[in-house]
Amino acid sequence: MFAESGKGANEMSALPNVVLVHGAWADGSSWSAVIERLQADGYNVTAPQFPLTALADDVARLRQVLARQNGPTVVAGHSYGGQIMTALGTDAPNVVGLVYIAAFGLDEGESIGKLLAQASPGPALGHLEVDEQGFAWLPEDDFVNHFAADVDPVRARVMHAVQQPLAWSVLDEVMGVPAWKSHPTWFLVADGDQTIPPDAERQFAARIGATTVEVSTNHVVMVPTPMRWSSSSKPPPRPSRLRIDAHRPVTRSNTHSAPFGLHGGHRRGTVLSFARTHGRCEAGHYWQFHHRPRRSRSWSARTRRR
């Protein structure tokens, strides 16, 4: 991909920038563990705060941040953050990949509100409180027990205290031409998600034609999760990995059923691998983009033991 972009040899060997897009009822600090690991590996990482006042406002903030990046940039969006990066459309010249983390992946003409109306939302959204200014808040009980169900309750309550409310009018905003139609994409499905139904995430991923990995976790995938293994517990599962080679075309499959239709096609992308490792004792999950200088430029995103 770097060769296709026409960059010089020095830039080809450089690490890509990473921009992390938070979703509703969260803020940039939700990516803290991810940022720490990426920075330790030498990546330039930005995780800005988004106003969540209107989709246009959020996209404008993302464009502001992308304009500050020098060189190829990977954008990863969580939850409503997927909506923000999707709305970039075809005008994102320095974006070389989109990573959907338990996120919305809408197509042109769709809105989140219409999609949620077609199926019951997850229990995390069962008691939203919309204030007089039209902003939706998650009550503490639903936040701790459903939105961040596998996060330590003490930390989950802190996350609740700093939540960024979402303008409820955002649900009615209609998507234009989606960015995933012109960029390589990857999708992480959270099979225990209580906010966006996992089946909806699978359908988004299949329709997008994204390289997909599914992990056993709840909605806030990027927040470290305490996991306890006793001496009598069965051995932890082996890490799961998923890769795409930069010189092998990625096919958008028409074989998966999705309510909004799938479209065939091919595109090329860099290697992006996901790995999830469960450790004995208390462990946390961390994402890491890993670059290896070889013929096929590569990045990887993985979760690791603390």
C-alpha atoms as a PDB file:
ATOM      1  CA  MET A   1       0.000   0.000   0.000  1.00  0.00           C
ATOM      2  CA  PHE A   2       2.840   2.401   0.765  1.00  0.00           C
ATOM      3  CA  ALA A   3       4.282   1.718  -2.669  1.00  0.00           C
ATOM      4  CA  GLU A   4       0.925   2.470  -4.262  1.00  0.00           C
ATOM      5  CA  SER A   5       0.781   5.804  -2.441  1.00  0.00           C
ATOM      6  CA  GLY A   6       3.928   7.028  -4.183  1.00  0.00           C
ATOM      7  CA  LYS A   7       5.823   7.877  -1.002  1.00  0.00           C
ATOM      8  CA  GLY A   8       9.603   7.787  -0.829  1.00  0.00           C
ATOM      9  CA  ALA A   9      11.685   5.035   0.707  1.00  0.00           C
ATOM     10  CA  ASN A  10      12.055   6.787   4.056  1.00  0.00           C
ATOM     11  CA  GLU A  11       8.308   7.270   4.456  1.00  0.00           C
ATOM     12  CA  MET A  12       7.643   3.684   3.331  1.00  0.00           C
ATOM     13  CA  SER A  13       9.553   2.388   6.350  1.00  0.00           C
ATOM     14  CA  ALA A  14       7.880   4.756   8.793  1.00  0.00           C
ATOM     15  CA  LEU A  15       5.149   3.648  11.146  1.00  0.00           C
ATOM     16  CA  PRO A  16       1.632   4.779  10.260  1.00  0.00           C
ATOM     17  CA  ASN A  17      -0.116   7.328  12.417  1.00  0.00           C
ATOM     18  CA  VAL A  18      -3.028   6.049  14.462  1.00  0.00           C
ATOM     19  CA  VAL A  19      -6.157   8.078  15.197  1.00  0.00           C
ATOM     20  CA  LEU A  20      -8.589   6.609  17.738  1.00  0.00           C
ATOM     21  CA  VAL A  21     -12.222   7.692  17.660  1.00  0.00           C
ATOM     22  CA  HIS A  22     -14.309   7.220  20.792  1.00  0.00           C
ATOM     23  CA  GLY A  23     -18.045   6.631  20.739  1.00  0.00           C
ATOM     24  CA  ALA A  24     -21.043   7.839  22.675  1.00  0.00           C
ATOM     25  CA  TRP A  25     -20.977   7.815  26.488  1.00  0.00           C
ATOM     26  CA  ALA A  26     -17.189   7.660  26.423  1.00  0.00           C
ATOM     27  CA  ASP A  27     -14.298  10.021  25.784  1.00  0.00           C
ATOM     28  CA  GLY A  28     -10.727   9.897  24.550  1.00  0.00           C
ATOM     29  CA  SER A  29      -9.495   8.477  27.854  1.00  0.00           C
ATOM     30  CA  SER A  30     -11.272   5.198  27.100  1.00  0.00           C
ATOM     31  CA  TRP A  31      -8.338   4.460  24.765  1.00  0.00           C
ATOM     32  CA  SER A  32      -5.708   5.042  27.490  1.00  0.00           C
ATOM     33  CA  ALA A  33      -4.377   1.484  27.614  1.00  0.00           C
ATOM     34  CA  VAL A  34      -4.258   1.324  23.827  1.00  0.00           C
ATOM     35  CA  ILE A  35      -2.412   4.635  23.614  1.00  0.00           C
ATOM     36  CA  GLU A  36       0.165   3.534  26.185  1.00  0.00           C
ATOM     37  CA  ARG A  37       1.083   0.408  24.248  1.00  0.00           C
ATOM     38  CA  LEU A  38       1.138   2.104  20.854  1.00  0.00           C
ATOM     39  CA  GLN A  39       3.318   4.938  22.093  1.00  0.00           C
ATOM     40  CA  ALA A  40       5.697   2.445  23.680  1.00  0.00           C
ATOM     41  CA  ASP A  41       6.150   0.941  20.220  1.00  0.00           C
ATOM     42  CA  GLY A  42       6.907   4.306  18.665  1.00  0.00           C
ATOM     43  CA  TYR A  43       3.577   5.195  17.093  1.00  0.00           C
ATOM     44  CA  ASN A  44       2.195   8.684  16.773  1.00  0.00           C
ATOM     45  CA  VAL A  45      -1.252   8.341  18.358  1.00  0.00           C
ATOM     46  CA  THR A  46      -4.078  10.838  18.642  1.00  0.00           C
ATOM     47  CA  ALA A  47      -7.333  10.195  20.510  1.00  0.00           C
ATOM     48  CA  PRO A  48      -9.249  13.476  20.393  1.00  0.00           C
ATOM     49  CA  GLN A  49     -12.409  14.420  22.219  1.00  0.00           C
ATOM     50  CA  PHE A  50     -15.507  14.554  20.017  1.00  0.00           C
ATOM     51  CA  PRO A  51     -18.391  16.913  20.812  1.00  0.00           C
ATOM     52  CA  LEU A  52     -21.126  14.351  19.974  1.00  0.00           C
ATOM     53  CA  THR A  53     -23.432  17.283  19.181  1.00  0.00           C
ATOM     54  CA  ALA A  54     -24.041  16.425  15.516  1.00  0.00           C
ATOM     55  CA  LEU A  55     -22.485  14.063  13.011  1.00  0.00           C
ATOM     56  CA  ALA A  56     -21.151  17.002  10.979  1.00  0.00           C
ATOM     57  CA  ASP A  57     -19.462  18.422  14.097  1.00  0.00           C
ATOM     58  CA  ASP A  58     -17.836  15.088  14.878  1.00  0.00           C
ATOM     59  CA  VAL A  59     -16.620  14.576  11.311  1.00  0.00           C
ATOM     60  CA  ALA A  60     -15.201  18.117  11.306  1.00  0.00           C
ATOM     61  CA  ARG A  61     -13.198  17.295  14.448  1.00  0.00           C
ATOM     62  CA  LEU A  62     -11.896  14.108  12.849  1.00  0.00           C
ATOM     63  CA  ARG A  63     -10.845  15.983   9.716  1.00  0.00           C
ATOM     64  CA  GLN A  64      -9.111  18.571  11.909  1.00  0.00           C
ATOM     65  CA  VAL A  65      -7.069  15.822  13.531  1.00  0.00           C
ATOM     66  CA  LEU A  66      -6.340  14.025  10.254  1.00  0.00           C
ATOM     67  CA  ALA A  67      -5.021  17.276   8.778  1.00  0.00           C
ATOM     68  CA  ARG A  68      -2.361  17.300  11.513  1.00  0.00           C
ATOM     69  CA  GLN A  69      -1.071  13.842  10.621  1.00  0.00           C
ATOM     70  CA  ASN A  70       2.086  13.594   8.551  1.00  0.00           C
ATOM     71  CA  GLY A  71       1.768  10.536   6.347  1.00  0.00           C
ATOM     72  CA  PRO A  72      -0.431   7.423   6.158  1.00  0.00           C
ATOM     73  CA  THR A  73      -2.956   7.101   8.972  1.00  0.00           C
ATOM     74  CA  VAL A  74      -5.053   4.246  10.315  1.00  0.00           C
ATOM     75  CA  VAL A  75      -8.350   5.295  11.907  1.00  0.00           C
ATOM     76  CA  ALA A  76      -9.976   3.049  14.497  1.00  0.00           C
ATOM     77  CA  GLY A  77     -13.495   3.800  15.695  1.00  0.00           C
ATOM     78  CA  HIS A  78     -15.448   2.302  18.569  1.00  0.00           C
ATOM     79  CA  SER A  79     -19.251   2.173  18.637  1.00  0.00           C
ATOM     80  CA  TYR A  80     -20.603   5.532  17.369  1.00  0.00           C
ATOM     81  CA  GLY A  81     -16.984   6.300  16.471  1.00  0.00           C
ATOM     82  CA  GLY A  82     -17.526   3.952  13.546  1.00  0.00           C
ATOM     83  CA  GLN A  83     -20.294   6.248  12.347  1.00  0.00           C
ATOM     84  CA  ILE A  84     -17.946   9.234  12.518  1.00  0.00           C
ATOM     85  CA  MET A  85     -15.159   7.672  10.458  1.00  0.00           C
ATOM     86  CA  THR A  86     -17.630   6.145   7.999  1.00  0.00           C
ATOM     87  CA  ALA A  87     -18.961   9.649   7.313  1.00  0.00           C
ATOM     88  CA  LEU A  88     -15.536  10.726   6.032  1.00  0.00           C
ATOM     89  CA  GLY A  89     -16.698   9.385   2.682  1.00  0.00           C
ATOM     90  CA  THR A  90     -14.192   9.347  -0.155  1.00  0.00           C
ATOM     91  CA  ASP A  91     -12.441  12.545   0.961  1.00  0.00           C
ATOM     92  CA  ALA A  92      -9.802  11.173   3.319  1.00  0.00           C
ATOM     93  CA  PRO A  93      -6.537  11.302   1.360  1.00  0.00           C
ATOM     94  CA  ASN A  94      -4.155  10.235   4.125  1.00  0.00           C
ATOM     95  CA  VAL A  95      -6.345   7.459   5.566  1.00  0.00           C
ATOM     96  CA  VAL A  96      -5.055   4.024   4.591  1.00  0.00           C
ATOM     97  CA  GLY A  97      -7.300   1.806   6.692  1.00  0.00           C
ATOM     98  CA  LEU A  98     -10.426   1.765   8.868  1.00  0.00           C
ATOM     99  CA  VAL A  99     -10.774  -0.459  11.925  1.00  0.00           C
ATOM    100  CA  TYR A 100     -14.264  -0.943  13.343  1.00  0.00           C
ATOM    101  CA  ILE A 101     -14.266  -1.939  17.014  1.00  0.00           C
ATOM    102  CA  ALA A 102     -17.761  -3.138  17.996  1.00  0.00           C
ATOM    103  CA  ALA A 103     -18.976  -0.249  15.877  1.00  0.00           C
ATOM    104  CA  PHE A 104     -21.705   0.941  13.544  1.00  0.00           C
ATOM    105  CA  GLY A 105     -20.917   0.456   9.864  1.00  0.00           C
ATOM    106  CA  LEU A 106     -23.759   2.108   7.981  1.00  0.00           C
ATOM    107  CA  ASP A 107     -24.327   2.361   4.247  1.00  0.00           C
ATOM    108  CA  GLU A 108     -25.516   5.320   2.197  1.00  0.00           C
ATOM    109  CA  GLY A 109     -29.055   6.417   3.032  1.00  0.00           C
ATOM    110  CA  GLU A 110     -29.172   4.692   6.414  1.00  0.00           C
ATOM    111  CA  SER A 111     -29.462   6.142   9.898  1.00  0.00           C
ATOM    112  CA  ILE A 112     -28.756   4.628  13.283  1.00  0.00           C
ATOM    113  CA  GLY A 113     -32.299   5.377  14.409  1.00  0.00           C
ATOM    114  CA  LYS A 114     -33.870   3.406  11.570  1.00  0.00           C
ATOM    115  CA  LEU A 115     -31.579   0.462  12.157  1.00  0.00           C
ATOM    116  CA  LEU A 116     -32.297   0.389  15.887  1.00  0.00           C
ATOM    117  CA  ALA A 117     -36.011   0.496  15.117  1.00  0.00           C
ATOM    118  CA  GLN A 118     -35.703  -2.764  13.185  1.00  0.00           C
ATOM    119  CA  ALA A 119     -34.513  -4.723  16.211  1.00  0.00           C
ATOM    120  CA  SER A 120     -34.540  -4.421  19.967  1.00  0.00           C
ATOM    121  CA  PRO A 121     -31.465  -2.486  21.187  1.00  0.00           C
ATOM    122  CA  GLY A 122     -29.140  -4.040  23.715  1.00  0.00           C
ATOM    123  CA  PRO A 123     -29.982  -3.806  27.431  1.00  0.00           C
ATOM    124  CA  ALA A 124     -27.388  -1.038  27.851  1.00  0.00           C
ATOM    125  CA  LEU A 125     -29.761   1.295  26.002  1.00  0.00           C
ATOM    126  CA  GLY A 126     -32.908   0.237  27.801  1.00  0.00           C
ATOM    127  CA  HIS A 127     -33.232   3.264  30.119  1.00  0.00           C
ATOM    128  CA  LEU A 128     -31.596   6.194  28.367  1.00  0.00           C
ATOM    129  CA  GLU A 129     -32.208   9.573  29.989  1.00  0.00           C
ATOM    130  CA  VAL A 130     -32.652  12.414  27.478  1.00  0.00           C
ATOM    131  CA  ASP A 131     -32.256  15.838  29.066  1.00  0.00           C
ATOM    132  CA  GLU A 132     -33.969  19.113  28.169  1.00  0.00           C
ATOM    133  CA  GLN A 133     -31.201  19.959  25.693  1.00  0.00           C
ATOM    134  CA  GLY A 134     -31.795  16.706  23.810  1.00  0.00           C
ATOM    135  CA  PHE A 135     -28.693  14.844  25.006  1.00  0.00           C
ATOM    136  CA  ALA A 136     -28.941  11.172  25.987  1.00  0.00           C
ATOM    137  CA  TRP A 137     -27.197   9.888  29.115  1.00  0.00           C
ATOM    138  CA  LEU A 138     -26.681   6.342  30.362  1.00  0.00           C
ATOM    139  CA  PRO A 139     -27.810   5.758  33.967  1.00  0.00           C
ATOM    140  CA  GLU A 140     -25.168   4.280  36.230  1.00  0.00           C
ATOM    141  CA  ASP A 141     -26.794   0.868  36.664  1.00  0.00           C
ATOM    142  CA  ASP A 142     -27.042   0.239  32.922  1.00  0.00           C
ATOM    143  CA  PHE A 143     -23.567   1.661  32.336  1.00  0.00           C
ATOM    144  CA  VAL A 144     -21.867  -0.560  34.905  1.00  0.00           C
ATOM    145  CA  ASN A 145     -23.872  -3.732  34.358  1.00  0.00           C
ATOM    146  CA  HIS A 146     -24.390  -3.657  30.591  1.00  0.00           C
ATOM    147  CA  PHE A 147     -22.385  -0.980  28.742  1.00  0.00           C
ATOM    148  CA  ALA A 148     -19.134  -1.858  30.548  1.00  0.00           C
ATOM    149  CA  ALA A 149     -20.239  -5.199  31.936  1.00  0.00           C
ATOM    150  CA  ASP A 150     -16.833  -6.899  32.038  1.00  0.00           C
ATOM    151  CA  VAL A 151     -14.911  -3.875  33.311  1.00  0.00           C
ATOM    152  CA  ASP A 152     -14.035  -3.679  36.999  1.00  0.00           C
ATOM    153  CA  PRO A 153     -17.061  -1.959  38.632  1.00  0.00           C
ATOM    154  CA  VAL A 154     -14.902   0.685  40.303  1.00  0.00           C
ATOM    155  CA  ARG A 155     -13.416   1.674  36.975  1.00  0.00           C
ATOM    156  CA  ALA A 156     -16.792   1.405  35.236  1.00  0.00           C
ATOM    157  CA  ARG A 157     -18.271   3.921  37.693  1.00  0.00           C
ATOM    158  CA  VAL A 158     -15.435   6.316  36.911  1.00  0.00           C
ATOM    159  CA  MET A 159     -16.167   5.885  33.205  1.00  0.00           C
ATOM    160  CA  HIS A 160     -19.814   6.623  33.925  1.00  0.00           C
ATOM    161  CA  ALA A 161     -18.868   9.799  35.764  1.00  0.00           C
ATOM    162  CA  VAL A 162     -16.938  11.148  32.735  1.00  0.00           C
ATOM    163  CA  GLN A 163     -19.309   9.937  30.028  1.00  0.00           C
ATOM    164  CA  GLN A 164     -19.926  12.236  27.063  1.00  0.00           C
ATOM    165  CA  PRO A 165     -23.669  12.369  26.308  1.00  0.00           C
ATOM    166  CA  LEU A 166     -24.878  11.965  22.734  1.00  0.00           C
ATOM    167  CA  ALA A 167     -27.195  14.412  21.008  1.00  0.00           C
ATOM    168  CA  TRP A 168     -30.235  12.258  20.399  1.00  0.00           C
ATOM    169  CA  SER A 169     -30.853  13.957  17.044  1.00  0.00           C
ATOM    170  CA  VAL A 170     -27.733  12.175  15.753  1.00  0.00           C
ATOM    171  CA  LEU A 171     -29.764   8.988  15.427  1.00  0.00           C
ATOM    172  CA  ASP A 172     -31.818  10.538  12.620  1.00  0.00           C
ATOM    173  CA  GLU A 173     -28.844  11.749  10.582  1.00  0.00           C
ATOM    174  CA  VAL A 174     -28.553   9.935   7.267  1.00  0.00           C
ATOM    175  CA  MET A 175     -25.233   8.521   6.076  1.00  0.00           C
ATOM    176  CA  GLY A 176     -23.727   9.738   2.812  1.00  0.00           C
ATOM    177  CA  VAL A 177     -21.252   7.744   0.736  1.00  0.00           C
ATOM    178  CA  PRO A 178     -19.456   5.584   3.333  1.00  0.00           C
ATOM    179  CA  ALA A 179     -15.679   5.656   3.664  1.00  0.00           C
ATOM    180  CA  TRP A 180     -15.503   1.864   3.786  1.00  0.00           C
ATOM    181  CA  LYS A 181     -16.339   1.703   0.082  1.00  0.00           C
ATOM    182  CA  SER A 182     -12.963   3.222  -0.764  1.00  0.00           C
ATOM    183  CA  HIS A 183     -10.694   2.063   2.084  1.00  0.00           C
ATOM    184  CA  PRO A 184      -9.466  -1.307   3.399  1.00  0.00           C
ATOM    185  CA  THR A 185     -11.432  -2.263   6.504  1.00  0.00           C
ATOM    186  CA  TRP A 186     -11.226  -4.577   9.492  1.00  0.00           C
ATOM    187  CA  PHE A 187     -13.917  -5.341  12.034  1.00  0.00           C
ATOM    188  CA  LEU A 188     -13.826  -6.640  15.594  1.00  0.00           C
ATOM    189  CA  VAL A 189     -17.105  -8.212  16.702  1.00  0.00           C
ATOM    190  CA  ALA A 190     -17.720  -8.324  20.451  1.00  0.00           C
ATOM    191  CA  ASP A 191     -19.809 -11.455  20.892  1.00  0.00           C
ATOM    192  CA  GLY A 192     -20.964 -10.416  24.369  1.00  0.00           C
ATOM    193  CA  ASP A 193     -21.931  -6.881  23.367  1.00  0.00           C
ATOM    194  CA  GLN A 194     -24.973  -5.571  25.245  1.00  0.00           C
ATOM    195  CA  THR A 195     -25.096  -2.250  23.403  1.00  0.00           C
ATOM    196  CA  ILE A 196     -24.884  -3.073  19.684  1.00  0.00           C
ATOM    197  CA  PRO A 197     -26.258  -6.592  19.080  1.00  0.00           C
ATOM    198  CA  PRO A 198     -23.434  -8.918  17.997  1.00  0.00           C
ATOM    199  CA  ASP A 199     -25.524 -10.146  15.053  1.00  0.00           C
ATOM    200  CA  ALA A 200     -25.764  -6.560  13.824  1.00  0.00           C
ATOM    201  CA  GLU A 201     -21.985  -6.210  14.079  1.00  0.00           C
ATOM    202  CA  ARG A 202     -21.554  -9.416  12.083  1.00  0.00           C
ATOM    203  CA  GLN A 203     -23.909  -8.104   9.418  1.00  0.00           C
ATOM    204  CA  PHE A 204     -22.070  -4.781   9.244  1.00  0.00           C
ATOM    205  CA  ALA A 205     -18.748  -6.609   8.860  1.00  0.00           C
ATOM    206  CA  ALA A 206     -20.052  -8.968   6.172  1.00  0.00           C
ATOM    207  CA  ARG A 207     -21.660  -6.218   4.132  1.00  0.00           C
ATOM    208  CA  ILE A 208     -18.587  -4.008   4.372  1.00  0.00           C
ATOM    209  CA  GLY A 209     -16.421  -6.911   3.277  1.00  0.00           C
ATOM    210  CA  ALA A 210     -14.164  -6.362   6.267  1.00  0.00           C
ATOM    211  CA  THR A 211     -11.630  -8.835   7.505  1.00  0.00           C
ATOM    212  CA  THR A 212     -13.283  -9.860  10.740  1.00  0.00           C
ATOM    213  CA  VAL A 213     -12.330 -11.290  14.093  1.00  0.00           C
ATOM    214  CA  GLU A 214     -14.746 -12.145  16.889  1.00  0.00           C
ATOM    215  CA  VAL A 215     -13.766 -12.059  20.551  1.00  0.00           C
ATOM    216  CA  SER A 216     -15.518 -12.922  23.790  1.00  0.00           C
ATOM    217  CA  THR A 217     -15.917  -9.514  25.364  1.00  0.00           C
ATOM    218  CA  ASN A 218     -18.449  -6.808  25.999  1.00  0.00           C
ATOM    219  CA  HIS A 219     -18.948  -3.446  24.304  1.00  0.00           C
ATOM    220  CA  VAL A 220     -15.973  -1.433  25.593  1.00  0.00           C
ATOM    221  CA  VAL A 221     -13.390  -3.723  24.048  1.00  0.00           C
ATOM    222  CA  MET A 222     -10.465  -1.333  24.441  1.00  0.00           C
ATOM    223  CA  VAL A 223     -10.727  -0.977  28.231  1.00  0.00           C
ATOM    224  CA  PRO A 224      -8.554  -3.429  30.214  1.00  0.00           C
ATOM    225  CA  THR A 225     -10.636  -6.193  31.745  1.00  0.00           C
ATOM    226  CA  PRO A 226      -9.698  -8.076  34.917  1.00  0.00           C
ATOM    227  CA  MET A 227      -9.715 -11.820  34.316  1.00  0.00           C
ATOM    228  CA  ARG A 228      -9.194 -14.293  37.143  1.00  0.00           C
ATOM    229  CA  TRP A 229      -8.009 -17.854  36.662  1.00  0.00           C
ATOM    230  CA  SER A 230      -7.804 -20.158  39.666  1.00  0.00           C
ATOM    231  CA  SER A 231      -5.391 -23.063  39.848  1.00  0.00           C
ATOM    232  CA  SER A 232      -8.291 -25.399  39.120  1.00  0.00           C
ATOM    233  CA  SER A 233      -9.393 -23.495  36.038  1.00  0.00           C
ATOM    234  CA  LYS A 234      -8.927 -24.994  32.616  1.00  0.00           C
ATOM    235  CA  PRO A 235      -5.980 -23.628  30.613  1.00  0.00           C
ATOM    236  CA  PRO A 236      -6.610 -20.307  28.951  1.00  0.00           C
ATOM    237  CA  PRO A 237      -7.630 -20.446  25.294  1.00  0.00           C
ATOM    238  CA  ARG A 238      -4.995 -19.982  22.642  1.00  0.00           C
ATOM    239  CA  PRO A 239      -4.747 -16.568  21.007  1.00  0.00           C
ATOM    240  CA  SER A 240      -6.824 -16.074  17.880  1.00  0.00           C
ATOM    241  CA  ARG A 241      -5.167 -14.313  14.937  1.00  0.00           C
ATOM    242  CA  LEU A 242      -6.405 -12.967  11.644  1.00  0.00           C
ATOM    243  CA  ARG A 243      -4.268 -11.512   8.891  1.00  0.00           C
ATOM    244  CA  ILE A 244      -4.556  -9.982   5.427  1.00  0.00           C
ATOM    245  CA  ASP A 245      -1.567  -9.856   3.115  1.00  0.00           C
ATOM    246  CA  ALA A 246      -0.897  -6.573   1.357  1.00  0.00           C
ATOM    247  CA  HIS A 247      -0.454  -8.298  -2.004  1.00  0.00           C
ATOM    248  CA  ARG A 248      -3.474 -10.561  -1.781  1.00  0.00           C
ATOM    249  CA  PRO A 249      -6.830  -9.079  -2.788  1.00  0.00           C
ATOM    250  CA  VAL A 250      -9.515  -9.021  -0.117  1.00  0.00           C
ATOM    251  CA  THR A 251     -12.895 -10.125  -1.430  1.00  0.00           C
ATOM    252  CA  ARG A 252     -16.171  -8.669  -0.287  1.00  0.00           C
ATOM    253  CA  SER A 253     -18.316 -11.733  -0.024  1.00  0.00           C
ATOM    254  CA  ASN A 254     -21.873 -11.996  -1.271  1.00  0.00           C
ATOM    255  CA  THR A 255     -22.407 -15.244   0.588  1.00  0.00           C
ATOM    256  CA  HIS A 256     -23.317 -13.703   3.954  1.00  0.00           C
ATOM    257  CA  SER A 257     -26.907 -12.706   4.537  1.00  0.00           C
ATOM    258  CA  ALA A 258     -27.480  -9.168   5.770  1.00  0.00           C
ATOM    259  CA  PRO A 259     -30.672  -7.152   5.861  1.00  0.00           C
ATOM    260  CA  PHE A 260     -29.250  -4.221   3.882  1.00  0.00           C
ATOM    261  CA  GLY A 261     -27.574  -6.104   1.010  1.00  0.00           C
ATOM    262  CA  LEU A 262     -23.972  -6.906   0.189  1.00  0.00           C
ATOM    263  CA  HIS A 263     -21.921  -5.922  -2.825  1.00  0.00           C
ATOM    264  CA  GLY A 264     -19.020  -7.823  -4.348  1.00  0.00           C
ATOM    265  CA  GLY A 265     -15.612  -6.414  -5.139  1.00  0.00           C
ATOM    266  CA  HIS A 266     -11.915  -6.603  -4.362  1.00  0.00           C
ATOM    267  CA  ARG A 267      -9.452  -4.352  -2.697  1.00  0.00           C
ATOM    268  CA  ARG A 268      -5.925  -4.575  -1.383  1.00  0.00           C
ATOM    269  CA  GLY A 269      -4.832  -3.857   2.149  1.00  0.00           C
ATOM    270  CA  THR A 270      -1.957  -4.163   4.540  1.00  0.00           C
ATOM    271  CA  VAL A 271      -1.613  -6.926   7.045  1.00  0.00           C
ATOM    272  CA  LEU A 272      -3.709  -6.313  10.127  1.00  0.00           C
ATOM    273  CA  SER A 273      -3.867  -9.074  12.687  1.00  0.00           C
ATOM    274  CA  PHE A 274      -5.879  -9.343  15.828  1.00  0.00           C
ATOM    275  CA  ALA A 275      -4.837 -11.548  18.719  1.00  0.00           C
ATOM    276  CA  ARG A 276      -6.544 -12.062  22.032  1.00  0.00           C
ATOM    277  CA  THR A 277      -4.624 -13.745  24.825  1.00  0.00           C
ATOM    278  CA  HIS A 278      -6.091 -14.751  28.162  1.00  0.00           C
ATOM    279  CA  GLY A 279      -3.586 -14.908  31.010  1.00  0.00           C
ATOM    280  CA  ARG A 280      -3.705 -16.581  34.350  1.00  0.00           C
ATOM    281  CA  CYS A 281      -4.265 -14.315  37.350  1.00  0.00           C
ATOM    282  CA  GLU A 282      -5.487 -10.805  36.641  1.00  0.00           C
ATOM    283  CA  ALA A 283      -4.850  -9.605  33.131  1.00  0.00           C
ATOM    284  CA  GLY A 284      -5.885  -6.763  30.894  1.00  0.00           C
ATOM    285  CA  HIS A 285      -6.473  -6.606  27.183  1.00  0.00           C
ATOM    286  CA  TYR A 286      -4.461  -4.145  25.137  1.00  0.00           C
ATOM    287  CA  TRP A 287      -4.484  -3.253  21.491  1.00  0.00           C
ATOM    288  CA  GLN A 288      -1.212  -2.824  19.656  1.00  0.00           C
ATOM    289  CA  PHE A 289      -0.401  -1.968  16.056  1.00  0.00           C
ATOM    290  CA  HIS A 290       2.834  -3.743  15.181  1.00  0.00           C
ATOM    291  CA  HIS A 291       4.968  -2.851  12.162  1.00  0.00           C
ATOM    292  CA  ARG A 292       7.477  -5.243  10.711  1.00  0.00           C
ATOM    293  CA  PRO A 293       9.775  -3.997   7.894  1.00  0.00           C
ATOM    294  CA  ARG A 294       9.392  -6.694   5.255  1.00  0.00           C
ATOM    295  CA  ARG A 295       8.239  -6.883   1.679  1.00  0.00           C
ATOM    296  CA  SER A 296       4.620  -6.665   2.765  1.00  0.00           C
ATOM    297  CA  ARG A 297       4.211  -3.671   5.051  1.00  0.00           C
ATOM    298  CA  SER A 298       2.181  -4.670   8.037  1.00  0.00           C
ATOM    299  CA  TRP A 299       0.403  -3.488  11.062  1.00  0.00           C
ATOM    300  CA  SER A 300      -1.284  -5.580  13.663  1.00  0.00           C
ATOM    301  CA  ALA A 301      -3.697  -4.913  16.441  1.00  0.00           C
ATOM    302  CA  ARG A 302      -3.579  -7.250  19.321  1.00  0.00           C
ATOM    303  CA  THR A 303      -4.586  -7.700  22.909  1.00  0.00           C
ATOM    304  CA  ARG A 304      -1.920  -8.690  25.370  1.00  0.00           C
ATOM    305  CA  ARG A 305      -1.439  -9.562  28.971  1.00  0.00           C
ATOM    306  CA  ARG A 306      -0.673  -6.662  31.243  1.00  0.00           C
END
